[in-house]
Amino acid sequence: MTTLGWRIAEGEVTITESQTGDRVSIEVRLPQRWNTGVGFRHRSVKLLVRVPREADLDVRTGDGSVDVEPISGKVAIFTGDGDIAAQGMRGDIRLHTGDGSIKAEGLEGRLQADTGDGHIELDSPVTVSGTVSRSDVRGKLGAGGAPLRLQTGDGPIRVARL
């Protein structure tokens, strides 16, 4: 973990780690009152987690972006206010951001992606079967297979083969 403008200490950034069997949980908390009242200092927290290439992954953040590199398994990424960048994921993939964009490359498997206020960009061809609108696309990735669902509340959806 790296921080900018914070210390890892009681009253500032705190980290709680736990493990039960093969499940690892890491919780990072920022203080509720962090505005100094005088000017604005840039502050950030970056957490880098390394996992096996085949693993189930559940990432949740209230206010931060998430980058995920190749992984296979059941993957769920939720952020309240941040972008999601996903590369080379395989399996059952769920991507959600309340206020950010989603960019995904090299996906295989079942995908559900949605954003409340941002855009969605994929590099995989989609065979559409069902709904197509400015904010919602349902179909299949590539030559078929599992269903695909993309949805945005306020932003475009772009699907292109790169």
Protein backbone atom coordinates (compact mmCIF):
# COMPACT_ATOMS: atom_id res chain seq x y z
CA MET A 1 0.00 0.00 0.00
CA THR A 2 1.20 3.50 -0.81
CA THR A 3 -0.27 6.76 0.40
CA LEU A 4 0.14 10.39 -0.58
CA GLY A 5 -0.80 13.04 1.97
CA TRP A 6 -1.79 10.40 4.55
CA ARG A 7 -0.07 8.32 7.19
CA ILE A 8 -0.99 4.75 7.96
CA ALA A 9 -1.85 5.27 11.62
CA GLU A 10 -4.73 5.42 14.08
CA GLY A 11 -6.87 8.45 13.19
CA GLU A 12 -5.62 8.46 9.57
CA VAL A 13 -5.54 5.51 7.14
CA THR A 14 -6.23 2.15 8.81
CA ILE A 15 -5.90 -1.32 7.30
CA THR A 16 -7.67 -4.45 8.53
CA GLU A 17 -6.63 -7.81 7.09
CA SER A 18 -8.14 -11.24 7.71
CA GLN A 19 -8.06 -14.71 6.22
CA THR A 20 -10.53 -17.57 6.51
CA GLY A 21 -9.48 -20.63 4.51
CA ASP A 22 -8.70 -19.45 1.00
CA ARG A 23 -10.66 -16.18 1.43
CA VAL A 24 -8.61 -13.04 2.11
CA SER A 25 -10.23 -9.75 3.09
CA ILE A 26 -8.48 -6.37 3.11
CA GLU A 27 -10.33 -3.29 4.31
CA VAL A 28 -8.83 0.19 4.02
CA ARG A 29 -10.52 3.05 5.87
CA LEU A 30 -9.92 6.79 5.66
CA PRO A 31 -10.84 9.14 8.49
CA GLN A 32 -14.37 10.55 8.28
CA ARG A 33 -13.10 14.09 8.71
CA TRP A 34 -10.13 14.63 6.45
CA ASN A 35 -10.51 18.18 5.16
CA THR A 36 -7.91 20.48 6.73
CA GLY A 37 -10.11 23.54 6.16
CA VAL A 38 -7.17 25.53 4.78
CA GLY A 39 -6.56 24.97 1.07
CA PHE A 40 -6.76 21.55 -0.50
CA ARG A 41 -3.98 18.98 -0.43
CA HIS A 42 -3.88 16.13 -2.91
CA ARG A 43 -4.30 12.87 -1.04
CA SER A 44 -4.50 9.34 -2.35
CA VAL A 45 -4.26 5.71 -1.29
CA LYS A 46 -3.17 2.97 -3.69
CA LEU A 47 -3.56 -0.70 -2.87
CA LEU A 48 -1.82 -3.31 -5.04
CA VAL A 49 -3.03 -6.89 -4.54
CA ARG A 50 -1.44 -9.89 -6.28
CA VAL A 51 -3.55 -13.03 -6.67
CA PRO A 52 -3.20 -16.28 -8.65
CA ARG A 53 -4.28 -16.05 -12.33
CA GLU A 54 -7.20 -18.35 -11.51
CA ALA A 55 -9.16 -16.97 -8.58
CA ASP A 56 -12.52 -15.53 -7.67
CA LEU A 57 -12.25 -11.80 -7.06
CA ASP A 58 -14.66 -9.43 -5.33
CA VAL A 59 -13.48 -5.79 -5.26
CA ARG A 60 -15.57 -2.99 -3.75
CA THR A 61 -14.62 0.64 -3.36
CA GLY A 62 -16.72 3.64 -2.41
CA ASP A 63 -14.58 6.29 -4.07
CA GLY A 64 -11.75 5.02 -6.21
CA SER A 65 -10.81 3.56 -9.57
CA VAL A 66 -9.98 -0.14 -10.07
CA ASP A 67 -7.51 -1.67 -12.56
CA VAL A 68 -7.56 -5.45 -13.05
CA GLU A 69 -5.12 -7.43 -15.17
CA PRO A 70 -5.58 -11.00 -16.50
CA ILE A 71 -7.53 -13.27 -14.17
CA SER A 72 -9.91 -16.22 -14.65
CA GLY A 73 -12.84 -16.99 -12.40
CA LYS A 74 -15.84 -15.28 -10.94
CA VAL A 75 -14.97 -11.56 -10.93
CA ALA A 76 -17.08 -8.78 -9.41
CA ILE A 77 -15.85 -5.18 -9.36
CA PHE A 78 -18.02 -2.45 -7.85
CA THR A 79 -17.05 1.18 -7.36
CA GLY A 80 -19.33 3.99 -6.26
CA ASP A 81 -17.27 6.78 -7.82
CA GLY A 82 -14.39 5.67 -10.03
CA ASP A 83 -13.39 4.15 -13.36
CA ILE A 84 -12.85 0.44 -14.05
CA ALA A 85 -10.13 -0.82 -16.42
CA ALA A 86 -10.15 -4.59 -17.02
CA GLN A 87 -7.78 -6.57 -19.24
CA GLY A 88 -7.71 -10.25 -20.16
CA MET A 89 -10.42 -11.45 -17.82
CA ARG A 90 -12.14 -14.83 -18.33
CA GLY A 91 -15.20 -16.29 -16.67
CA ASP A 92 -18.24 -14.77 -15.02
CA ILE A 93 -17.50 -11.01 -15.05
CA ARG A 94 -19.58 -8.30 -13.35
CA LEU A 95 -18.43 -4.65 -13.61
CA HIS A 96 -20.35 -1.75 -12.02
CA THR A 97 -19.54 1.89 -11.39
CA GLY A 98 -22.01 4.45 -10.12
CA ASP A 99 -20.11 7.45 -11.46
CA GLY A 100 -17.29 6.42 -13.77
CA SER A 101 -16.41 4.74 -17.04
CA ILE A 102 -15.61 1.12 -17.88
CA LYS A 103 -12.92 0.09 -20.38
CA ALA A 104 -12.49 -3.65 -20.94
CA GLU A 105 -10.16 -5.48 -23.33
CA GLY A 106 -9.67 -9.16 -24.14
CA LEU A 107 -12.67 -10.50 -22.23
CA GLU A 108 -14.02 -14.04 -22.57
CA GLY A 109 -17.11 -15.40 -20.89
CA ARG A 110 -20.25 -13.99 -19.39
CA LEU A 111 -20.22 -10.22 -18.90
CA GLN A 112 -22.54 -7.78 -17.17
CA ALA A 113 -21.29 -4.18 -17.12
CA ASP A 114 -23.12 -1.03 -16.11
CA THR A 115 -22.44 2.57 -15.16
CA GLY A 116 -24.74 5.23 -13.77
CA ASP A 117 -22.84 8.18 -15.24
CA GLY A 118 -20.06 7.26 -17.65
CA HIS A 119 -19.30 5.31 -20.78
CA ILE A 120 -18.54 1.66 -21.52
CA GLU A 121 -15.88 0.65 -24.05
CA LEU A 122 -15.16 -2.94 -25.12
CA ASP A 123 -12.75 -4.30 -27.73
CA SER A 124 -14.75 -7.50 -28.37
CA PRO A 125 -17.34 -8.00 -31.11
CA VAL A 126 -20.89 -8.35 -29.82
CA THR A 127 -23.69 -10.30 -31.47
CA VAL A 128 -26.79 -8.37 -30.46
CA SER A 129 -29.93 -10.30 -29.61
CA GLY A 130 -32.58 -8.25 -27.94
CA THR A 131 -32.08 -4.68 -26.78
CA VAL A 132 -30.00 -1.90 -28.29
CA SER A 133 -30.30 1.68 -27.08
CA ARG A 134 -28.03 4.56 -26.13
CA SER A 135 -27.86 3.28 -22.57
CA ASP A 136 -28.40 -0.50 -22.79
CA VAL A 137 -27.01 -3.32 -24.99
CA ARG A 138 -27.77 -7.01 -24.55
CA GLY A 139 -26.15 -9.68 -26.67
CA LYS A 140 -23.27 -12.17 -26.87
CA LEU A 141 -19.50 -11.73 -26.99
CA GLY A 142 -17.72 -12.98 -30.10
CA ALA A 143 -19.17 -16.02 -31.83
CA GLY A 144 -21.69 -16.70 -29.11
CA GLY A 145 -21.67 -18.25 -25.72
CA ALA A 146 -22.85 -16.59 -22.57
CA PRO A 147 -25.12 -13.52 -22.50
CA LEU A 148 -23.71 -10.00 -22.46
CA ARG A 149 -25.38 -6.99 -20.84
CA LEU A 150 -24.05 -3.43 -20.90
CA GLN A 151 -25.92 -0.51 -19.38
CA THR A 152 -25.22 3.18 -18.69
CA GLY A 153 -27.34 5.84 -17.03
CA ASP A 154 -25.66 8.88 -18.60
CA GLY A 155 -23.01 8.14 -21.21
CA PRO A 156 -22.33 6.24 -24.43
CA ILE A 157 -21.57 2.57 -25.00
CA ARG A 158 -18.84 1.82 -27.57
CA VAL A 159 -18.01 -1.70 -28.71
CA ALA A 160 -15.18 -2.10 -31.22
CA ARG A 161 -12.59 -4.68 -32.18
CA LEU A 162 -9.16 -3.14 -31.61
